[in-house]
Each structure stands twice: as C-alpha cells, then as structure tokens.
Protein backbone atom coordinates (compact mmCIF):
# COMPACT_ATOMS: atom_id res chain seq x y z
CA MET A 1 45.39 -108.63 0.31
CA SER A 2 48.93 -109.44 -0.77
CA HIS A 3 51.49 -106.64 -0.64
CA PRO A 4 54.22 -106.05 -3.26
CA GLN A 5 57.51 -107.46 -2.00
CA SER A 6 59.61 -104.55 -3.25
CA TYR A 7 59.48 -101.05 -4.68
CA GLU A 8 61.99 -98.70 -6.23
CA ILE A 9 62.02 -95.38 -4.38
CA LEU A 10 63.12 -92.26 -6.28
CA LEU A 11 64.25 -89.06 -4.55
CA VAL A 12 63.79 -86.10 -6.87
CA PRO A 13 63.93 -82.30 -6.59
CA GLU A 14 60.38 -80.96 -6.18
CA HIS A 15 60.72 -78.68 -9.20
CA GLU A 16 61.49 -81.67 -11.49
CA GLU A 17 57.97 -83.11 -11.33
CA ASN A 18 55.81 -82.86 -14.42
CA ALA A 19 52.03 -82.42 -14.43
CA THR A 20 51.39 -86.10 -13.68
CA GLY A 21 53.63 -86.12 -10.62
CA THR A 22 56.07 -88.56 -12.20
CA PRO A 23 59.69 -87.42 -12.30
CA GLU A 24 61.32 -86.94 -15.68
CA PRO A 25 63.70 -89.79 -16.59
CA GLY A 26 67.18 -89.29 -15.20
CA THR A 27 66.23 -86.63 -12.65
CA ALA A 28 66.35 -88.83 -9.56
CA LEU A 29 69.09 -87.73 -7.18
CA ARG A 30 69.01 -91.15 -5.55
CA SER A 31 67.14 -94.37 -6.00
CA ALA A 32 66.87 -97.43 -3.82
CA VAL A 33 65.12 -100.76 -4.08
CA VAL A 34 63.37 -101.50 -0.82
CA ALA A 35 62.03 -104.91 0.19
CA ALA A 36 59.22 -105.83 2.55
CA THR A 37 60.38 -106.58 6.09
CA GLY A 38 57.13 -108.16 7.28
CA ASP A 39 56.86 -105.46 9.95
CA THR A 40 54.44 -102.57 10.21
CA GLY A 41 55.91 -99.09 10.59
CA ALA A 42 54.82 -96.38 13.04
CA SER A 43 52.49 -95.05 10.33
CA GLY A 44 50.55 -98.32 10.36
CA TYR A 45 51.64 -99.31 6.83
CA PRO A 46 54.00 -102.12 5.81
CA ARG A 47 57.71 -101.35 6.32
CA TYR A 48 60.21 -101.70 3.45
CA THR A 49 63.99 -101.30 3.75
CA GLY A 50 67.05 -101.40 1.52
CA GLU A 51 70.05 -99.43 0.31
CA GLY A 52 69.94 -97.04 3.29
CA VAL A 53 66.23 -96.27 2.89
CA GLU A 54 63.37 -97.18 5.26
CA ALA A 55 59.85 -96.53 4.03
CA ASP A 56 56.30 -97.20 5.17
CA ILE A 57 54.27 -97.67 2.00
CA ASP A 58 50.51 -97.91 1.55
CA PRO A 59 50.18 -100.94 -0.76
CA ALA A 60 46.72 -99.89 -1.97
CA THR A 61 47.82 -96.48 -3.30
CA HIS A 62 51.61 -97.00 -3.57
CA THR A 63 52.07 -93.85 -1.47
CA VAL A 64 55.12 -93.41 0.73
CA GLU A 65 53.68 -92.57 4.16
CA ALA A 66 56.97 -92.34 6.10
CA LEU A 67 60.59 -92.22 4.94
CA LEU A 68 64.10 -92.21 6.37
CA VAL A 69 67.16 -91.89 4.14
CA ASP A 70 70.39 -92.93 5.85
CA GLY A 71 68.55 -92.61 9.16
CA VAL A 72 67.27 -89.04 8.67
CA GLU A 73 64.07 -87.47 7.33
CA LEU A 74 63.92 -86.11 3.80
CA ASP A 75 65.37 -82.62 3.26
CA TYR A 76 63.13 -79.74 2.15
CA GLY A 77 63.12 -79.35 -1.61
CA LEU A 78 63.13 -83.08 -2.21
CA THR A 79 60.20 -85.34 -2.85
CA VAL A 80 59.84 -89.10 -2.96
CA ARG A 81 58.16 -91.14 -5.66
CA ILE A 82 57.64 -94.81 -6.36
CA ALA A 83 59.04 -95.86 -9.74
CA GLU A 84 56.39 -96.89 -12.25
CA HIS A 85 57.55 -100.49 -12.19
CA ILE A 86 56.54 -102.10 -8.94
CA GLY A 87 58.05 -105.22 -7.46
CA GLY A 88 61.02 -107.34 -8.40
CA THR A 89 64.70 -106.66 -8.24
CA ARG A 90 66.62 -104.40 -10.60
CA GLU A 91 67.96 -107.51 -12.34
CA GLU A 92 64.42 -108.90 -12.78
CA ARG A 93 63.27 -105.58 -14.25
CA ARG A 94 66.23 -105.54 -16.66
CA ALA A 95 65.25 -109.02 -17.82
CA VAL A 96 61.66 -107.90 -18.41
CA ARG A 97 62.85 -104.85 -20.38
CA GLY A 98 65.26 -107.02 -22.39
CA ASP A 99 68.42 -105.35 -21.08
CA ALA A 100 71.48 -107.54 -20.81
CA ALA A 101 75.01 -107.03 -19.60
CA GLU A 102 77.57 -106.14 -22.24
CA GLY A 103 78.97 -109.20 -23.93
CA GLU A 104 75.92 -111.38 -23.35
CA PRO A 105 74.39 -113.16 -26.35
CA GLY A 106 72.07 -110.95 -28.35
CA GLN A 107 73.79 -107.77 -27.17
CA ALA A 108 75.76 -105.61 -29.60
CA GLY A 109 79.10 -104.89 -28.05
C-alpha cells in the first residue's frame, strides 16, 4: 500500500471542534505541512516531519498516532487534526483550488 507523501497538520483548541470532529475554518492555532521521511516512528506508523512538527500517522485512517511540536508533546487543551486535503504542498493545493498570487494573470488586483 502506498502512503501519502505529505499531510497538513492542524493544532486546534479542543473546544473548537464541531460535531464531525473537523475544526472550524480559521480556528487552527498552528498548521504545518509534514512530509514522509521513509522511517517508521516508535508507534510503528510512518514518520512525517516538517515546520517543527514530527508526527507518526496511520495512512489507513489518517490518524495522528504520535506528535511532537518543536520537540515537545502537545499541551492539554489542544488537539491535532489532519486537514481535509491530503498530500501535496501548499502551493500545489493553491493551484488545485485556483488561488494565485496577487498580480498573476486572471487575478483581480
């Protein structure tokens, strides 16, 4: 089974979750795109790192099984979620959504 090469991790306050467990837009205190390292973490799941975040993620369920943020465990009152879009870089996701930098053709400026 092939694993996604990257995920976007969202750190949100626990009380900001809605009934589906997905954070409301704009409520993430921090986000980070993590990329596969090719290693397996202590949890037994593939290890992903990036932007100060290390995560072991179950590729079958997209569940974060272990997490370090800037080298420390997550504080109480915070929860971690995987963004709904899975894989690719932020720039690739912008291209898929049709976002473009200001001043690019097709963009009102």
